[in-house]
Amino acid sequence: MQSTNMQPLSGKELEYIVDSISNEELLLKQSAATAASIQHPAIQQACLQLARTHEHHLNLLSNALQQHQQLAPMQPQQ
């Protein structure tokens, strides 16, 4: 999608994305920590895959915010 077709995000949408980023960061850290502490190779690989998935989600959310940053109002909303 091109940025000329995008509408600015609402405050509620921004809050949702910020919450989702926080959640994905936590899940990424937990998955990586669990993978580091697991001895069973198959379970360790599953945890590492989960960590990669959460890192991908985190990147998608961050990119969405960056794409919409140009559309954000320049003055703080009251």
N, C-alpha and C. Protein backbone atom coordinates (compact mmCIF):
# COMPACT_ATOMS: atom_id res chain seq x y z
N MET A 1 0.85 -1.17 0.00
CA MET A 1 0.00 0.00 0.00
C MET A 1 0.89 1.24 0.00
N GLN A 2 0.54 2.23 -0.77
CA GLN A 2 1.30 3.45 -0.83
C GLN A 2 0.84 4.39 0.27
N SER A 3 1.76 5.23 0.74
CA SER A 3 1.43 6.12 1.85
C SER A 3 0.40 7.17 1.45
N THR A 4 0.24 7.45 0.15
CA THR A 4 -0.74 8.45 -0.26
C THR A 4 -2.17 7.93 -0.06
N ASN A 5 -2.35 6.64 0.05
CA ASN A 5 -3.67 6.05 0.25
C ASN A 5 -3.99 5.84 1.73
N MET A 6 -3.02 6.05 2.61
CA MET A 6 -3.23 5.77 4.02
C MET A 6 -3.87 6.96 4.72
N GLN A 7 -4.69 6.62 5.68
CA GLN A 7 -5.31 7.62 6.55
C GLN A 7 -4.53 7.64 7.86
N PRO A 8 -4.51 8.79 8.54
CA PRO A 8 -3.84 8.83 9.85
C PRO A 8 -4.48 7.83 10.81
N LEU A 9 -3.67 7.28 11.68
CA LEU A 9 -4.19 6.35 12.68
C LEU A 9 -4.91 7.13 13.78
N SER A 10 -5.95 6.55 14.28
CA SER A 10 -6.66 7.17 15.40
C SER A 10 -5.86 6.92 16.68
N GLY A 11 -6.19 7.66 17.71
CA GLY A 11 -5.54 7.48 19.00
C GLY A 11 -5.71 6.06 19.51
N LYS A 12 -6.89 5.51 19.31
CA LYS A 12 -7.17 4.15 19.76
C LYS A 12 -6.31 3.14 19.00
N GLU A 13 -6.15 3.35 17.70
CA GLU A 13 -5.32 2.46 16.88
C GLU A 13 -3.86 2.55 17.32
N LEU A 14 -3.39 3.77 17.61
CA LEU A 14 -2.01 3.93 18.09
C LEU A 14 -1.81 3.21 19.42
N GLU A 15 -2.77 3.34 20.31
CA GLU A 15 -2.69 2.65 21.60
C GLU A 15 -2.64 1.14 21.40
N TYR A 16 -3.45 0.64 20.49
CA TYR A 16 -3.47 -0.80 20.22
C TYR A 16 -2.11 -1.26 19.70
N ILE A 17 -1.52 -0.49 18.78
CA ILE A 17 -0.23 -0.87 18.21
C ILE A 17 0.87 -0.83 19.28
N VAL A 18 0.86 0.22 20.10
CA VAL A 18 1.85 0.34 21.17
C VAL A 18 1.71 -0.82 22.16
N ASP A 19 0.49 -1.16 22.53
CA ASP A 19 0.26 -2.30 23.43
C ASP A 19 0.74 -3.60 22.78
N SER A 20 0.46 -3.74 21.50
CA SER A 20 0.87 -4.95 20.78
C SER A 20 2.40 -5.05 20.71
N ILE A 21 3.06 -3.92 20.50
CA ILE A 21 4.53 -3.91 20.49
C ILE A 21 5.06 -4.35 21.85
N SER A 22 4.49 -3.83 22.92
CA SER A 22 4.92 -4.23 24.27
C SER A 22 4.72 -5.71 24.49
N ASN A 23 3.58 -6.22 24.05
CA ASN A 23 3.29 -7.64 24.21
C ASN A 23 4.26 -8.50 23.41
N GLU A 24 4.53 -8.11 22.17
CA GLU A 24 5.45 -8.88 21.33
C GLU A 24 6.87 -8.85 21.91
N GLU A 25 7.29 -7.70 22.45
CA GLU A 25 8.61 -7.63 23.09
C GLU A 25 8.70 -8.60 24.26
N LEU A 26 7.66 -8.64 25.08
CA LEU A 26 7.65 -9.54 26.23
C LEU A 26 7.67 -11.00 25.77
N LEU A 27 6.84 -11.33 24.79
CA LEU A 27 6.79 -12.70 24.29
C LEU A 27 8.12 -13.11 23.65
N LEU A 28 8.75 -12.19 22.95
CA LEU A 28 10.06 -12.46 22.36
C LEU A 28 11.08 -12.77 23.45
N LYS A 29 11.13 -11.94 24.48
CA LYS A 29 12.08 -12.16 25.58
C LYS A 29 11.81 -13.48 26.29
N GLN A 30 10.54 -13.77 26.54
CA GLN A 30 10.20 -15.02 27.23
C GLN A 30 10.55 -16.24 26.39
N SER A 31 10.28 -16.17 25.10
CA SER A 31 10.60 -17.30 24.21
C SER A 31 12.10 -17.53 24.15
N ALA A 32 12.87 -16.45 24.04
CA ALA A 32 14.32 -16.57 23.97
C ALA A 32 14.89 -17.09 25.30
N ALA A 33 14.38 -16.59 26.41
CA ALA A 33 14.86 -17.04 27.72
C ALA A 33 14.53 -18.52 27.94
N THR A 34 13.33 -18.92 27.53
CA THR A 34 12.95 -20.32 27.68
C THR A 34 13.84 -21.20 26.80
N ALA A 35 14.09 -20.78 25.57
CA ALA A 35 14.96 -21.54 24.67
C ALA A 35 16.35 -21.71 25.27
N ALA A 36 16.84 -20.67 25.93
CA ALA A 36 18.18 -20.72 26.51
C ALA A 36 18.26 -21.66 27.71
N SER A 37 17.12 -21.89 28.36
CA SER A 37 17.14 -22.71 29.57
C SER A 37 16.69 -24.15 29.34
N ILE A 38 16.25 -24.46 28.12
CA ILE A 38 15.72 -25.80 27.82
C ILE A 38 16.85 -26.72 27.35
N GLN A 39 16.84 -27.94 27.81
CA GLN A 39 17.84 -28.93 27.40
C GLN A 39 17.38 -29.77 26.20
N HIS A 40 16.09 -29.95 26.06
CA HIS A 40 15.54 -30.79 24.98
C HIS A 40 15.62 -30.04 23.65
N PRO A 41 16.37 -30.58 22.67
CA PRO A 41 16.59 -29.86 21.41
C PRO A 41 15.32 -29.50 20.64
N ALA A 42 14.35 -30.38 20.59
CA ALA A 42 13.13 -30.10 19.82
C ALA A 42 12.33 -28.97 20.47
N ILE A 43 12.25 -28.98 21.78
CA ILE A 43 11.53 -27.91 22.48
C ILE A 43 12.30 -26.61 22.35
N GLN A 44 13.62 -26.69 22.44
CA GLN A 44 14.44 -25.49 22.27
C GLN A 44 14.23 -24.88 20.89
N GLN A 45 14.19 -25.71 19.86
CA GLN A 45 13.95 -25.21 18.50
C GLN A 45 12.56 -24.59 18.37
N ALA A 46 11.57 -25.19 19.01
CA ALA A 46 10.21 -24.63 18.98
C ALA A 46 10.19 -23.25 19.64
N CYS A 47 10.90 -23.10 20.75
CA CYS A 47 10.96 -21.80 21.43
C CYS A 47 11.70 -20.77 20.59
N LEU A 48 12.76 -21.20 19.91
CA LEU A 48 13.49 -20.28 19.04
C LEU A 48 12.63 -19.84 17.87
N GLN A 49 11.83 -20.76 17.35
CA GLN A 49 10.91 -20.41 16.26
C GLN A 49 9.86 -19.41 16.74
N LEU A 50 9.37 -19.62 17.95
CA LEU A 50 8.42 -18.65 18.53
C LEU A 50 9.07 -17.29 18.68
N ALA A 51 10.32 -17.26 19.12
CA ALA A 51 11.03 -15.99 19.27
C ALA A 51 11.16 -15.29 17.92
N ARG A 52 11.48 -16.05 16.86
CA ARG A 52 11.58 -15.46 15.52
C ARG A 52 10.23 -14.92 15.06
N THR A 53 9.17 -15.65 15.35
CA THR A 53 7.82 -15.21 14.98
C THR A 53 7.47 -13.90 15.68
N HIS A 54 7.76 -13.82 16.98
CA HIS A 54 7.45 -12.59 17.72
C HIS A 54 8.33 -11.43 17.26
N GLU A 55 9.57 -11.72 16.88
CA GLU A 55 10.43 -10.67 16.34
C GLU A 55 9.88 -10.16 15.02
N HIS A 56 9.36 -11.06 14.20
CA HIS A 56 8.74 -10.66 12.92
C HIS A 56 7.52 -9.78 13.18
N HIS A 57 6.67 -10.18 14.12
CA HIS A 57 5.49 -9.38 14.47
C HIS A 57 5.91 -7.99 14.96
N LEU A 58 6.95 -7.95 15.78
CA LEU A 58 7.45 -6.69 16.31
C LEU A 58 7.92 -5.79 15.16
N ASN A 59 8.62 -6.35 14.20
CA ASN A 59 9.08 -5.58 13.04
C ASN A 59 7.90 -5.07 12.21
N LEU A 60 6.89 -5.89 12.01
CA LEU A 60 5.71 -5.46 11.26
C LEU A 60 5.01 -4.29 11.95
N LEU A 61 4.84 -4.39 13.25
CA LEU A 61 4.18 -3.31 13.99
C LEU A 61 5.01 -2.03 13.96
N SER A 62 6.32 -2.16 14.13
CA SER A 62 7.20 -0.99 14.09
C SER A 62 7.17 -0.34 12.71
N ASN A 63 7.18 -1.15 11.67
CA ASN A 63 7.11 -0.62 10.31
C ASN A 63 5.78 0.10 10.07
N ALA A 64 4.71 -0.44 10.60
CA ALA A 64 3.40 0.20 10.45
C ALA A 64 3.41 1.59 11.09
N LEU A 65 4.01 1.69 12.26
CA LEU A 65 4.11 2.99 12.92
C LEU A 65 4.96 3.96 12.11
N GLN A 66 6.06 3.48 11.57
CA GLN A 66 6.94 4.34 10.77
C GLN A 66 6.24 4.83 9.51
N GLN A 67 5.46 3.96 8.87
CA GLN A 67 4.75 4.35 7.65
C GLN A 67 3.71 5.42 7.94
N HIS A 68 3.11 5.36 9.11
CA HIS A 68 2.05 6.31 9.46
C HIS A 68 2.59 7.55 10.14
N GLN A 69 3.87 7.56 10.47
CA GLN A 69 4.45 8.69 11.19
C GLN A 69 4.31 9.99 10.40
N GLN A 70 4.45 9.93 9.08
CA GLN A 70 4.34 11.13 8.26
C GLN A 70 2.91 11.68 8.25
N LEU A 71 1.95 10.83 8.51
CA LEU A 71 0.55 11.25 8.50
C LEU A 71 0.09 11.77 9.87
N ALA A 72 0.91 11.58 10.87
CA ALA A 72 0.52 11.97 12.23
C ALA A 72 0.38 13.49 12.33
N PRO A 73 -0.56 13.94 13.13
CA PRO A 73 -0.70 15.39 13.33
C PRO A 73 0.57 15.95 13.94
N MET A 74 0.92 17.16 13.55
CA MET A 74 2.14 17.80 14.03
C MET A 74 1.96 18.39 15.42
N GLN A 75 0.74 18.65 15.82
CA GLN A 75 0.49 19.24 17.13
C GLN A 75 -0.14 18.19 18.04
N PRO A 76 0.19 18.24 19.33
CA PRO A 76 -0.38 17.25 20.25
C PRO A 76 -1.90 17.37 20.31
N GLN A 77 -2.53 16.20 20.41
CA GLN A 77 -3.99 16.19 20.54
C GLN A 77 -4.35 16.39 22.00
N GLN A 78 -5.44 17.09 22.22
CA GLN A 78 -5.87 17.33 23.60
C GLN A 78 -7.02 16.46 23.98
